[in-house]
Amino acid sequence: MMSLRASISSTATFARRCFSVNVPACTAVSDPIQGLFVEKIREYGDKKAAGEGKMVDATAATEAELQNELDKVAKAYGGGAGIDMAAFPELSFEDPAMDPINVSA
C-alpha cells in the first residue's frame, strides 16, 4: 500500500504540474499578436451578431455575386423561380402494378 507521505507527495507534484501548465492560459494576454487576434475575433463576433444572419462586411457586389452563384446551383440541380431549394423534397413512392402469380398451376 502507498504510505500517506508518498500519497501527499505525489498529489503535490501532480497539482504543481497542473498549475504550471494551466496558469498561463488563465492569465491576461501578454503577447501583443495574440491580443490583436483575440480583439479581432471579438470584433467579428459583434459584427456577426449585428448582421442578423447575413455576411459580415458584405458589399452590394459581394451579395450580388453570391446570389448569382446560388442561382447557378439552383438551375443545375432542378431549382428555378418559386422553388425553395432549402426545403426537403417531398417524396412519393407508388407500388408498381404487378401481374398476379398463379401458384396453383
N, C-alpha and C. Protein backbone atom coordinates (compact mmCIF):
# COMPACT_ATOMS: atom_id res chain seq x y z
N MET A 1 0.82 -1.19 0.00
CA MET A 1 0.00 0.00 0.00
C MET A 1 0.87 1.25 0.00
N MET A 2 0.29 2.27 -0.50
CA MET A 2 1.00 3.52 -0.58
C MET A 2 0.93 4.23 0.77
N SER A 3 2.04 4.73 1.22
CA SER A 3 2.04 5.42 2.51
C SER A 3 1.42 6.79 2.36
N LEU A 4 1.04 7.36 3.47
CA LEU A 4 0.40 8.68 3.48
C LEU A 4 1.37 9.74 2.96
N ARG A 5 2.65 9.65 3.34
CA ARG A 5 3.66 10.62 2.91
C ARG A 5 3.85 10.55 1.39
N ALA A 6 3.89 9.37 0.83
CA ALA A 6 4.07 9.22 -0.62
C ALA A 6 2.83 9.72 -1.36
N SER A 7 1.67 9.49 -0.78
CA SER A 7 0.43 9.96 -1.40
C SER A 7 0.37 11.47 -1.44
N ILE A 8 0.74 12.12 -0.35
CA ILE A 8 0.73 13.58 -0.29
C ILE A 8 1.77 14.14 -1.26
N SER A 9 2.93 13.51 -1.32
CA SER A 9 3.99 13.97 -2.20
C SER A 9 3.57 13.87 -3.67
N SER A 10 2.96 12.76 -4.04
CA SER A 10 2.54 12.60 -5.43
C SER A 10 1.39 13.55 -5.77
N THR A 11 0.51 13.80 -4.84
CA THR A 11 -0.59 14.74 -5.06
C THR A 11 -0.06 16.15 -5.23
N ALA A 12 0.92 16.52 -4.41
CA ALA A 12 1.50 17.86 -4.52
C ALA A 12 2.22 18.02 -5.85
N THR A 13 2.93 17.00 -6.29
CA THR A 13 3.62 17.06 -7.57
C THR A 13 2.62 17.19 -8.71
N PHE A 14 1.55 16.42 -8.63
CA PHE A 14 0.51 16.47 -9.66
C PHE A 14 -0.12 17.86 -9.71
N ALA A 15 -0.45 18.43 -8.56
CA ALA A 15 -1.06 19.76 -8.50
C ALA A 15 -0.11 20.82 -9.05
N ARG A 16 1.17 20.72 -8.71
CA ARG A 16 2.15 21.69 -9.18
C ARG A 16 2.25 21.63 -10.71
N ARG A 17 2.25 20.43 -11.26
CA ARG A 17 2.32 20.30 -12.71
C ARG A 17 1.08 20.86 -13.38
N CYS A 18 -0.08 20.60 -12.81
CA CYS A 18 -1.33 21.11 -13.40
C CYS A 18 -1.35 22.63 -13.39
N PHE A 19 -0.96 23.22 -12.27
CA PHE A 19 -0.99 24.68 -12.19
C PHE A 19 0.07 25.31 -13.08
N SER A 20 1.20 24.66 -13.22
CA SER A 20 2.24 25.25 -14.07
C SER A 20 1.84 25.22 -15.54
N VAL A 21 1.02 24.27 -15.93
CA VAL A 21 0.58 24.19 -17.32
C VAL A 21 -0.62 25.09 -17.56
N ASN A 22 -1.56 25.17 -16.63
CA ASN A 22 -2.82 25.87 -16.85
C ASN A 22 -2.79 27.35 -16.50
N VAL A 23 -1.87 27.79 -15.68
CA VAL A 23 -1.85 29.18 -15.25
C VAL A 23 -1.63 30.14 -16.42
N PRO A 24 -0.71 29.88 -17.37
CA PRO A 24 -0.57 30.83 -18.48
C PRO A 24 -1.84 31.01 -19.29
N ALA A 25 -2.65 29.99 -19.39
CA ALA A 25 -3.90 30.10 -20.15
C ALA A 25 -4.92 30.96 -19.42
N CYS A 26 -4.82 31.05 -18.11
CA CYS A 26 -5.79 31.81 -17.32
C CYS A 26 -5.38 33.26 -17.13
N THR A 27 -4.15 33.61 -17.38
CA THR A 27 -3.69 34.97 -17.16
C THR A 27 -4.07 35.86 -18.34
N ALA A 28 -3.87 37.14 -18.17
CA ALA A 28 -4.18 38.09 -19.23
C ALA A 28 -3.21 37.89 -20.39
N VAL A 29 -3.60 38.40 -21.54
CA VAL A 29 -2.80 38.21 -22.74
C VAL A 29 -1.53 39.04 -22.61
N SER A 30 -0.38 38.39 -22.73
CA SER A 30 0.88 39.10 -22.63
C SER A 30 1.53 39.28 -24.01
N ASP A 31 1.10 38.51 -24.97
CA ASP A 31 1.64 38.58 -26.32
C ASP A 31 0.81 39.58 -27.13
N PRO A 32 1.42 40.61 -27.71
CA PRO A 32 0.62 41.60 -28.45
C PRO A 32 -0.06 41.02 -29.68
N ILE A 33 0.56 40.05 -30.34
CA ILE A 33 -0.06 39.43 -31.52
C ILE A 33 -1.31 38.66 -31.10
N GLN A 34 -1.18 37.93 -30.00
CA GLN A 34 -2.33 37.17 -29.50
C GLN A 34 -3.44 38.13 -29.07
N GLY A 35 -3.06 39.25 -28.48
CA GLY A 35 -4.05 40.26 -28.08
C GLY A 35 -4.81 40.81 -29.27
N LEU A 36 -4.10 41.11 -30.36
CA LEU A 36 -4.76 41.59 -31.58
C LEU A 36 -5.69 40.54 -32.16
N PHE A 37 -5.25 39.29 -32.13
CA PHE A 37 -6.07 38.20 -32.65
C PHE A 37 -7.37 38.08 -31.86
N VAL A 38 -7.26 38.10 -30.54
CA VAL A 38 -8.46 37.99 -29.69
C VAL A 38 -9.37 39.19 -29.90
N GLU A 39 -8.79 40.37 -30.07
CA GLU A 39 -9.59 41.57 -30.30
C GLU A 39 -10.36 41.47 -31.62
N LYS A 40 -9.71 40.98 -32.68
CA LYS A 40 -10.37 40.83 -33.97
C LYS A 40 -11.47 39.77 -33.92
N ILE A 41 -11.23 38.70 -33.19
CA ILE A 41 -12.26 37.66 -33.04
C ILE A 41 -13.49 38.23 -32.35
N ARG A 42 -13.28 39.00 -31.31
CA ARG A 42 -14.42 39.62 -30.60
C ARG A 42 -15.14 40.62 -31.49
N GLU A 43 -14.38 41.40 -32.25
CA GLU A 43 -14.97 42.38 -33.17
C GLU A 43 -15.81 41.67 -34.23
N TYR A 44 -15.30 40.58 -34.77
CA TYR A 44 -16.06 39.80 -35.76
C TYR A 44 -17.33 39.24 -35.13
N GLY A 45 -17.25 38.76 -33.90
CA GLY A 45 -18.43 38.23 -33.23
C GLY A 45 -19.50 39.30 -33.05
N ASP A 46 -19.08 40.52 -32.71
CA ASP A 46 -20.04 41.62 -32.56
C ASP A 46 -20.69 41.97 -33.91
N LYS A 47 -19.87 42.01 -34.97
CA LYS A 47 -20.42 42.31 -36.30
C LYS A 47 -21.37 41.22 -36.77
N LYS A 48 -21.03 39.97 -36.48
CA LYS A 48 -21.87 38.86 -36.89
C LYS A 48 -23.22 38.91 -36.16
N ALA A 49 -23.18 39.25 -34.87
CA ALA A 49 -24.43 39.35 -34.11
C ALA A 49 -25.29 40.51 -34.63
N ALA A 50 -24.66 41.60 -35.05
CA ALA A 50 -25.40 42.74 -35.57
C ALA A 50 -25.90 42.49 -36.99
N GLY A 51 -25.28 41.58 -37.71
CA GLY A 51 -25.63 41.31 -39.10
C GLY A 51 -26.90 40.51 -39.28
N GLU A 52 -27.39 39.87 -38.24
CA GLU A 52 -28.63 39.10 -38.25
C GLU A 52 -28.65 38.02 -39.33
N GLY A 53 -27.58 37.24 -39.43
CA GLY A 53 -27.56 36.11 -40.34
C GLY A 53 -26.99 36.39 -41.72
N LYS A 54 -26.71 37.64 -42.03
CA LYS A 54 -26.12 37.97 -43.32
C LYS A 54 -24.60 37.90 -43.22
N MET A 55 -23.93 38.03 -44.37
CA MET A 55 -22.48 38.02 -44.38
C MET A 55 -21.93 39.27 -43.69
N VAL A 56 -20.80 39.11 -43.02
CA VAL A 56 -20.17 40.23 -42.31
C VAL A 56 -19.40 41.07 -43.31
N ASP A 57 -19.56 42.38 -43.25
CA ASP A 57 -18.87 43.35 -44.11
C ASP A 57 -19.05 43.05 -45.60
N ALA A 58 -20.25 42.66 -45.98
CA ALA A 58 -20.51 42.34 -47.39
C ALA A 58 -20.93 43.60 -48.13
N THR A 59 -20.38 43.76 -49.31
CA THR A 59 -20.78 44.88 -50.17
C THR A 59 -21.92 44.41 -51.07
N ALA A 60 -22.49 45.35 -51.79
CA ALA A 60 -23.58 45.00 -52.71
C ALA A 60 -23.07 44.08 -53.82
N ALA A 61 -21.83 44.31 -54.26
CA ALA A 61 -21.25 43.46 -55.31
C ALA A 61 -21.06 42.03 -54.80
N THR A 62 -20.64 41.89 -53.55
CA THR A 62 -20.45 40.56 -52.97
C THR A 62 -21.77 39.82 -52.85
N GLU A 63 -22.80 40.53 -52.40
CA GLU A 63 -24.12 39.89 -52.26
C GLU A 63 -24.69 39.52 -53.63
N ALA A 64 -24.46 40.36 -54.64
CA ALA A 64 -24.92 40.05 -55.99
C ALA A 64 -24.20 38.83 -56.55
N GLU A 65 -22.90 38.73 -56.29
CA GLU A 65 -22.13 37.57 -56.74
C GLU A 65 -22.61 36.29 -56.05
N LEU A 66 -22.90 36.39 -54.75
CA LEU A 66 -23.43 35.23 -54.02
C LEU A 66 -24.76 34.80 -54.60
N GLN A 67 -25.65 35.75 -54.87
CA GLN A 67 -26.95 35.41 -55.44
C GLN A 67 -26.81 34.78 -56.82
N ASN A 68 -25.85 35.27 -57.61
CA ASN A 68 -25.60 34.71 -58.93
C ASN A 68 -25.15 33.26 -58.82
N GLU A 69 -24.24 32.97 -57.89
CA GLU A 69 -23.77 31.60 -57.69
C GLU A 69 -24.89 30.69 -57.19
N LEU A 70 -25.74 31.20 -56.29
CA LEU A 70 -26.87 30.40 -55.80
C LEU A 70 -27.86 30.10 -56.91
N ASP A 71 -28.07 31.07 -57.81
CA ASP A 71 -28.95 30.84 -58.96
C ASP A 71 -28.39 29.78 -59.89
N LYS A 72 -27.06 29.80 -60.10
CA LYS A 72 -26.43 28.78 -60.95
C LYS A 72 -26.59 27.39 -60.35
N VAL A 73 -26.39 27.28 -59.06
CA VAL A 73 -26.53 25.98 -58.39
C VAL A 73 -27.98 25.50 -58.46
N ALA A 74 -28.93 26.42 -58.23
CA ALA A 74 -30.34 26.05 -58.29
C ALA A 74 -30.72 25.58 -59.69
N LYS A 75 -30.20 26.25 -60.71
CA LYS A 75 -30.51 25.86 -62.08
C LYS A 75 -29.90 24.50 -62.41
N ALA A 76 -28.71 24.24 -61.90
CA ALA A 76 -28.03 22.97 -62.17
C ALA A 76 -28.71 21.79 -61.48
N TYR A 77 -29.37 22.03 -60.37
CA TYR A 77 -29.96 20.94 -59.60
C TYR A 77 -31.48 20.98 -59.58
N GLY A 78 -32.09 21.58 -60.57
CA GLY A 78 -33.54 21.50 -60.72
C GLY A 78 -34.32 22.60 -60.04
N GLY A 79 -33.68 23.60 -59.57
CA GLY A 79 -34.39 24.72 -58.96
C GLY A 79 -34.82 25.70 -60.02
N GLY A 80 -35.49 26.72 -59.59
CA GLY A 80 -35.93 27.75 -60.52
C GLY A 80 -36.76 28.75 -59.76
N ALA A 81 -37.50 29.56 -60.49
CA ALA A 81 -38.33 30.57 -59.87
C ALA A 81 -39.45 29.91 -59.06
N GLY A 82 -39.57 30.29 -57.82
CA GLY A 82 -40.63 29.78 -56.98
C GLY A 82 -40.34 28.45 -56.31
N ILE A 83 -39.18 27.87 -56.53
CA ILE A 83 -38.84 26.59 -55.91
C ILE A 83 -37.88 26.85 -54.76
N ASP A 84 -38.25 26.38 -53.59
CA ASP A 84 -37.42 26.56 -52.40
C ASP A 84 -36.37 25.46 -52.35
N MET A 85 -35.12 25.81 -52.62
CA MET A 85 -34.04 24.82 -52.64
C MET A 85 -33.61 24.41 -51.23
N ALA A 86 -34.01 25.16 -50.21
CA ALA A 86 -33.63 24.82 -48.84
C ALA A 86 -34.60 23.83 -48.21
N ALA A 87 -35.78 23.64 -48.81
CA ALA A 87 -36.77 22.73 -48.26
C ALA A 87 -36.45 21.29 -48.66
N PHE A 88 -36.79 20.38 -47.80
CA PHE A 88 -36.59 18.96 -48.09
C PHE A 88 -37.61 18.54 -49.14
N PRO A 89 -37.21 17.83 -50.17
CA PRO A 89 -38.16 17.46 -51.22
C PRO A 89 -39.21 16.48 -50.71
N GLU A 90 -40.39 16.60 -51.28
CA GLU A 90 -41.46 15.67 -50.92
C GLU A 90 -41.34 14.44 -51.82
N LEU A 91 -41.22 13.30 -51.19
CA LEU A 91 -41.04 12.05 -51.92
C LEU A 91 -42.35 11.27 -51.90
N SER A 92 -42.71 10.72 -53.02
CA SER A 92 -43.91 9.87 -53.07
C SER A 92 -43.54 8.61 -53.85
N PHE A 93 -43.76 7.50 -53.21
CA PHE A 93 -43.46 6.22 -53.83
C PHE A 93 -44.77 5.48 -54.09
N GLU A 94 -44.92 4.98 -55.29
CA GLU A 94 -46.11 4.21 -55.64
C GLU A 94 -45.68 2.78 -55.94
N ASP A 95 -46.48 1.85 -55.50
CA ASP A 95 -46.19 0.45 -55.80
C ASP A 95 -46.47 0.19 -57.28
N PRO A 96 -45.55 -0.46 -57.97
CA PRO A 96 -45.79 -0.75 -59.39
C PRO A 96 -46.86 -1.83 -59.54
N ALA A 97 -47.56 -1.75 -60.62
CA ALA A 97 -48.60 -2.76 -60.89
C ALA A 97 -47.91 -4.06 -61.28
N MET A 98 -48.27 -5.14 -60.62
CA MET A 98 -47.65 -6.44 -60.89
C MET A 98 -48.73 -7.45 -61.27
N ASP A 99 -48.39 -8.33 -62.16
CA ASP A 99 -49.33 -9.38 -62.55
C ASP A 99 -49.38 -10.40 -61.41
N PRO A 100 -50.57 -10.93 -61.15
CA PRO A 100 -50.66 -11.94 -60.07
C PRO A 100 -49.96 -13.24 -60.49
N ILE A 101 -49.38 -13.88 -59.51
CA ILE A 101 -48.69 -15.15 -59.75
C ILE A 101 -49.70 -16.27 -59.51
N ASN A 102 -49.86 -17.15 -60.50
CA ASN A 102 -50.76 -18.28 -60.36
C ASN A 102 -49.95 -19.46 -59.86
N VAL A 103 -50.05 -19.75 -58.56
CA VAL A 103 -49.27 -20.79 -57.92
C VAL A 103 -49.94 -22.17 -58.09
N SER A 104 -51.24 -22.20 -58.31
CA SER A 104 -51.96 -23.46 -58.38
C SER A 104 -51.67 -24.23 -59.67
N ALA A 105 -51.20 -23.60 -60.68
CA ALA A 105 -50.98 -24.30 -61.93
C ALA A 105 -49.73 -25.11 -61.97
